Protein backbone atom coordinates (compact mmCIF):
# COMPACT_ATOMS: atom_id res chain seq x y z
CA MET A 1 -0.25 -0.01 0.10
CA SER A 2 1.42 3.87 -0.72
CA THR A 3 2.21 6.09 1.92
CA ASP A 4 -0.45 6.89 4.20
CA THR A 5 -0.82 11.28 2.80
CA ARG A 6 -4.43 11.75 4.55
CA VAL A 7 -4.68 14.69 6.22
CA GLY A 8 -6.30 14.16 9.75
CA PRO A 9 -9.30 15.95 10.88
CA PRO A 10 -8.88 19.06 13.19
CA HIS A 11 -8.68 18.88 17.20
CA LEU A 12 -10.60 22.21 17.26
CA GLY A 13 -12.04 22.86 14.29
CA ASP A 14 -15.50 23.83 14.54
CA GLU A 15 -18.55 21.73 13.73
CA ARG A 16 -19.00 22.40 9.90
CA GLU A 17 -14.81 22.36 9.17
CA THR A 18 -15.06 18.34 11.41
CA LEU A 19 -17.74 17.13 9.83
CA ARG A 20 -16.09 18.05 6.36
CA ALA A 21 -12.24 16.65 7.62
CA PHE A 22 -13.48 13.69 8.96
CA LEU A 23 -15.27 12.76 5.44
CA ASP A 24 -12.70 13.41 3.43
CA TYR A 25 -10.22 11.73 5.29
CA HIS A 26 -12.69 8.58 5.38
CA ARG A 27 -12.76 9.20 1.27
CA ALA A 28 -8.62 9.32 1.62
CA THR A 29 -8.65 6.28 3.38
CA LEU A 30 -11.27 4.38 0.69
CA ALA A 31 -9.04 5.11 -2.33
CA MET A 32 -6.00 4.40 0.73
CA LYS A 33 -7.03 1.00 0.74
CA CYS A 34 -7.43 0.50 -3.50
CA ALA A 35 -3.78 2.00 -4.22
CA GLY A 36 -1.77 0.28 -5.71
CA LEU A 37 -3.86 -2.55 -7.27
CA SER A 38 -4.35 -3.99 -10.36
CA ASP A 39 -8.18 -4.61 -11.94
CA ASP A 40 -8.28 -8.09 -10.79
CA GLU A 41 -6.69 -7.50 -7.67
CA LEU A 42 -9.52 -5.12 -6.98
CA ARG A 43 -12.37 -7.57 -8.47
CA GLN A 44 -10.79 -9.76 -5.54
CA GLN A 45 -14.31 -11.43 -3.76
CA SER A 46 -14.24 -12.06 -0.76
CA MET A 47 -15.76 -15.52 0.29
CA ALA A 48 -19.00 -16.89 -1.00
CA PRO A 49 -21.86 -15.92 -1.13
CA SER A 50 -20.67 -12.43 -0.94
CA THR A 51 -19.38 -11.15 -3.58
CA LEU A 52 -17.81 -7.54 -1.92
CA SER A 53 -14.94 -6.38 -3.77
CA LEU A 54 -12.93 -2.96 -3.51
CA LEU A 55 -14.12 -1.89 -6.66
CA GLY A 56 -17.74 -3.10 -5.44
CA LEU A 57 -16.93 -0.35 -2.92
CA VAL A 58 -15.66 1.85 -4.74
CA ARG A 59 -18.92 1.45 -7.46
CA HIS A 60 -21.14 1.89 -4.26
CA LEU A 61 -20.02 4.78 -2.80
CA ALA A 62 -20.49 6.69 -5.43
CA GLU A 63 -24.27 5.66 -5.34
CA VAL A 64 -23.92 6.21 -1.87
CA GLU A 65 -22.30 10.12 -2.87
CA ARG A 66 -25.02 10.58 -5.56
CA ALA A 67 -28.29 9.29 -3.30
CA TRP A 68 -27.63 11.50 -0.62
CA PHE A 69 -25.75 14.88 -2.36
CA ARG A 70 -26.95 14.99 -6.10
CA ARG A 71 -30.51 14.03 -5.71
CA VAL A 72 -31.43 15.42 -2.44
CA PHE A 73 -29.87 19.16 -2.93
CA GLU A 74 -30.23 18.69 -6.85
CA ASP A 75 -32.11 16.34 -8.67
CA ASN A 76 -33.80 14.38 -7.08
CA GLY A 77 -34.70 12.21 -10.32
CA ALA A 78 -31.27 12.05 -11.67
CA PRO A 79 -31.06 8.59 -12.66
CA MET A 80 -27.99 6.13 -10.26
CA LEU A 81 -24.60 5.07 -11.70
CA TRP A 82 -25.68 0.73 -11.87
CA SER A 83 -29.07 0.17 -10.23
CA PRO A 84 -31.48 -0.61 -13.33
CA PRO A 85 -33.84 2.37 -14.10
CA GLY A 86 -36.34 3.80 -11.71
CA VAL A 87 -34.73 1.58 -8.60
CA ILE A 88 -32.30 2.66 -6.00
CA ASP A 89 -30.50 -1.01 -5.44
CA PHE A 90 -26.80 0.19 -3.59
CA GLN A 91 -26.66 -4.19 -4.83
CA ALA A 92 -26.11 -3.39 -8.44
CA ALA A 93 -23.30 -1.25 -7.59
CA TYR A 94 -21.75 -3.90 -5.74
CA ASP A 95 -21.16 -6.18 -8.75
CA ALA A 96 -18.15 -5.40 -10.27
CA SER A 97 -17.13 -8.30 -12.90
CA GLY A 98 -16.99 -6.43 -15.87
CA SER A 99 -15.45 -3.10 -14.63
CA THR A 100 -12.15 -1.42 -14.04
CA ARG A 101 -10.50 0.79 -11.94
CA SER A 102 -11.14 3.31 -14.14
CA GLU A 103 -14.10 3.47 -14.34
CA ALA A 104 -15.42 3.16 -10.99
CA PHE A 105 -12.60 5.65 -9.64
CA THR A 106 -13.98 8.00 -12.17
CA ALA A 107 -17.20 7.88 -11.42
CA TRP A 108 -17.02 7.74 -7.61
CA GLU A 109 -14.05 11.21 -8.20
CA ALA A 110 -16.68 12.80 -9.76
CA GLU A 111 -19.81 12.22 -7.19
CA VAL A 112 -17.07 12.61 -4.75
CA GLU A 113 -16.72 16.61 -6.10
CA ASN A 114 -20.53 17.23 -6.82
CA SER A 115 -21.00 16.46 -2.98
CA ARG A 116 -17.75 19.06 -2.13
CA ARG A 117 -19.19 21.40 -4.57
CA ILE A 118 -23.16 21.11 -2.87
CA GLU A 119 -21.54 21.38 0.30
CA ARG A 120 -19.34 23.99 0.13
CA ALA A 121 -22.53 26.42 -1.63
CA ALA A 122 -25.23 25.16 0.98
CA GLU A 123 -25.57 28.30 4.39
CA SER A 124 -25.18 26.47 6.35
CA LEU A 125 -25.53 22.92 7.77
CA ASP A 126 -29.19 23.59 8.51
CA VAL A 127 -29.93 23.65 5.36
CA THR A 128 -32.55 21.41 3.71
CA GLY A 129 -33.06 19.33 0.99
CA HIS A 130 -35.74 16.12 -0.48
CA GLN A 131 -34.88 12.57 0.47
CA PRO A 132 -36.85 11.73 -2.56
CA ARG A 133 -36.52 7.53 -1.43
CA TRP A 134 -38.04 8.48 2.37
CA GLY A 135 -40.54 11.32 0.36
CA GLU A 136 -38.69 12.95 3.67
CA ASP A 137 -36.73 16.54 3.79
CA VAL A 138 -33.48 16.49 5.80
CA SER A 139 -30.64 18.80 6.62
CA LEU A 140 -26.87 18.40 5.28
CA ARG A 141 -26.02 17.81 8.70
CA MET A 142 -28.11 14.26 8.89
CA VAL A 143 -26.72 13.82 4.83
CA MET A 144 -23.29 14.58 5.71
CA LEU A 145 -23.41 12.65 9.22
CA HIS A 146 -25.12 9.49 7.12
CA VAL A 147 -22.14 9.63 4.33
CA LEU A 148 -19.16 9.15 7.20
CA LEU A 149 -21.13 6.62 8.51
CA GLU A 150 -21.32 4.95 5.36
CA TYR A 151 -17.18 4.80 4.61
CA GLY A 152 -16.67 4.48 8.24
CA ARG A 153 -18.30 1.29 8.06
CA HIS A 154 -16.74 0.28 3.97
CA ASN A 155 -13.91 0.81 4.91
CA GLY A 156 -14.10 -1.53 7.91
CA HIS A 157 -15.03 -3.88 5.03
CA ALA A 158 -11.66 -2.03 2.84
CA ASP A 159 -9.64 -3.15 5.35
CA LEU A 160 -10.84 -7.00 5.60
CA LEU A 161 -11.06 -7.00 1.65
CA ARG A 162 -7.20 -6.03 1.08
CA GLU A 163 -6.01 -7.92 3.70
CA GLY A 164 -7.62 -10.57 1.58
CA VAL A 165 -6.07 -9.40 -1.23
CA ASP A 166 -2.55 -8.85 -0.54
CA GLY A 167 -1.56 -9.28 3.13
CA THR A 168 -1.51 -5.30 3.40
CA VAL A 169 -3.46 -4.66 6.72
CA GLY A 170 -3.50 -1.19 8.89
CA ALA A 171 -4.93 2.75 9.02
């Protein structure tokens, strides 16, 4: 695995700065867990019956970013990246059998940049958007916390997946 270049969150930052920094730290963690691996290694699945792979996690988190930032704050009807039309099926992203690093990371990086733009443009964490899956309004604060928790959970999966691919552990 490459050298750890992640920037840790501030110890005394305000709420928004801290949320933003923790989210970016976890985004960088996912990228770090995938660094230096071939497409075949990134597609390597954990164990049956699971089809989970590092590349599947990248694809899934691209859809998470889209579902929670773009669809909530900009376009409730924006199509998902890998889910069937009109459906949000986060499991569909996990099937990375025909995917490549380029495809998955290009989509994920674009969604991350879109999410960052939306967050920075918001006047406060109290700005609300509409979560079409729930039919309810949600705050930017809630969205950032939800997405942060998604990354935390899935980075734990990424730790185990990376160890299974090449024995690399840590951070």
